[in-house]
Protein backbone atom coordinates (compact mmCIF):
# COMPACT_ATOMS: atom_id res chain seq x y z
CA MET A 1 -34.73 46.40 14.53
CA ASN A 2 -32.52 46.05 17.57
CA PRO A 3 -28.81 45.88 16.49
CA THR A 4 -28.14 42.94 18.80
CA LEU A 5 -31.05 41.01 17.33
CA ARG A 6 -29.87 41.82 13.80
CA VAL A 7 -26.35 40.53 14.54
CA SER A 8 -27.81 37.39 16.11
CA LEU A 9 -30.00 36.72 13.06
CA VAL A 10 -27.11 37.22 10.64
CA ALA A 11 -24.83 34.98 12.74
CA GLY A 12 -27.55 32.32 12.86
CA CYS A 13 -27.99 32.43 9.08
CA ILE A 14 -24.25 32.13 8.53
CA ALA A 15 -24.06 29.19 10.94
CA CYS A 16 -26.87 27.42 9.05
CA LEU A 17 -25.15 27.96 5.71
CA VAL A 18 -21.83 26.65 7.02
CA ALA A 19 -23.53 23.60 8.54
CA GLN A 20 -25.30 22.87 5.27
CA ALA A 21 -22.06 23.20 3.28
CA VAL A 22 -20.22 20.84 5.63
CA ALA A 23 -23.03 18.28 5.49
CA HIS A 24 -23.15 18.46 1.69
CA SER A 25 -19.39 17.98 1.30
CA ALA A 26 -19.47 15.00 3.68
CA ASN A 27 -22.04 13.28 1.44
CA ALA A 28 -20.29 14.06 -1.84
CA ALA A 29 -19.15 11.10 -3.90
CA PRO A 30 -15.40 10.64 -4.27
CA PRO A 31 -13.92 11.73 -7.61
CA VAL A 32 -13.61 9.14 -10.37
CA GLN A 33 -10.59 9.12 -12.67
CA LEU A 34 -11.81 8.26 -16.16
CA ALA A 35 -8.37 7.68 -17.69
CA ARG A 36 -4.72 7.66 -16.70
CA ASP A 37 -1.68 7.55 -18.98
CA GLY A 38 -3.84 6.92 -22.04
CA ARG A 39 -5.69 4.01 -20.47
CA PRO A 40 -9.37 3.92 -19.50
CA GLN A 41 -9.92 3.58 -15.76
CA ALA A 42 -13.72 3.32 -15.74
CA VAL A 43 -16.40 1.19 -17.37
CA LEU A 44 -19.32 2.82 -19.20
CA VAL A 45 -22.71 1.36 -18.28
CA ALA A 46 -25.88 2.14 -20.25
CA GLY A 47 -29.34 2.41 -18.78
CA ASN A 48 -32.36 1.50 -20.90
CA VAL A 49 -31.04 3.48 -23.89
CA ALA A 50 -27.63 2.56 -25.33
CA GLU A 51 -27.12 5.50 -27.71
CA PRO A 52 -25.91 8.01 -25.08
CA VAL A 53 -23.16 5.61 -23.96
CA ALA A 54 -22.06 5.10 -27.56
CA GLU A 55 -21.89 8.88 -28.04
CA LEU A 56 -19.94 9.39 -24.80
CA GLU A 57 -17.57 6.54 -25.66
CA LYS A 58 -16.88 8.10 -29.06
CA TYR A 59 -15.73 11.37 -27.46
CA LEU A 60 -13.78 9.70 -24.65
CA GLN A 61 -11.97 7.52 -27.19
CA ARG A 62 -10.98 10.64 -29.14
CA ILE A 63 -9.63 12.24 -25.97
CA VAL A 64 -7.85 9.21 -24.51
CA GLY A 65 -6.89 7.40 -27.71
CA ARG A 66 -8.37 4.03 -26.74
CA PRO A 67 -11.89 2.64 -26.58
CA PHE A 68 -13.57 2.52 -23.19
CA PRO A 69 -14.95 -0.79 -21.93
CA GLN A 70 -18.70 -1.08 -21.64
CA GLY A 71 -20.48 -3.14 -19.05
CA GLN A 72 -23.92 -4.06 -17.82
CA GLY A 73 -25.39 -3.95 -14.35
CA ARG A 74 -23.68 -2.87 -11.18
CA GLN A 75 -19.90 -2.60 -11.42
CA SER A 76 -17.46 -3.27 -8.58
CA GLY A 77 -14.91 -0.71 -9.76
CA ALA A 78 -15.06 2.78 -11.24
CA ALA A 79 -17.99 3.20 -13.62
CA VAL A 80 -19.94 5.90 -15.41
CA TYR A 81 -23.66 5.10 -15.35
CA VAL A 82 -25.45 6.84 -18.22
CA GLY A 83 -29.22 6.98 -17.97
CA LEU A 84 -32.01 7.74 -15.57
CA ALA A 85 -31.76 6.97 -11.86
CA ALA A 86 -34.61 4.49 -12.37
CA ASP A 87 -32.36 2.52 -14.77
CA PHE A 88 -30.00 1.79 -11.87
CA PRO A 89 -32.20 0.83 -8.88
CA TRP A 90 -29.39 -0.06 -6.55
């Protein structure tokens, strides 16, 4: 293979990878702070099955020292949605 062609192909592949990484980071969701200073900062929302939220809440309460609030439906603030994507159609 021609060395110039090889360099061009490698440079093209690197450019594609960089473009993909930049596009992915631009679409990434912002971080969510679950707790601060021993206080929950997010609501736990269950999908069609409530047991996973109860299990998660049990561990978060052990870590933070306080129970986490649980909600239903779409939340306006920070929330952890536990379930399948189909459980949260919005």
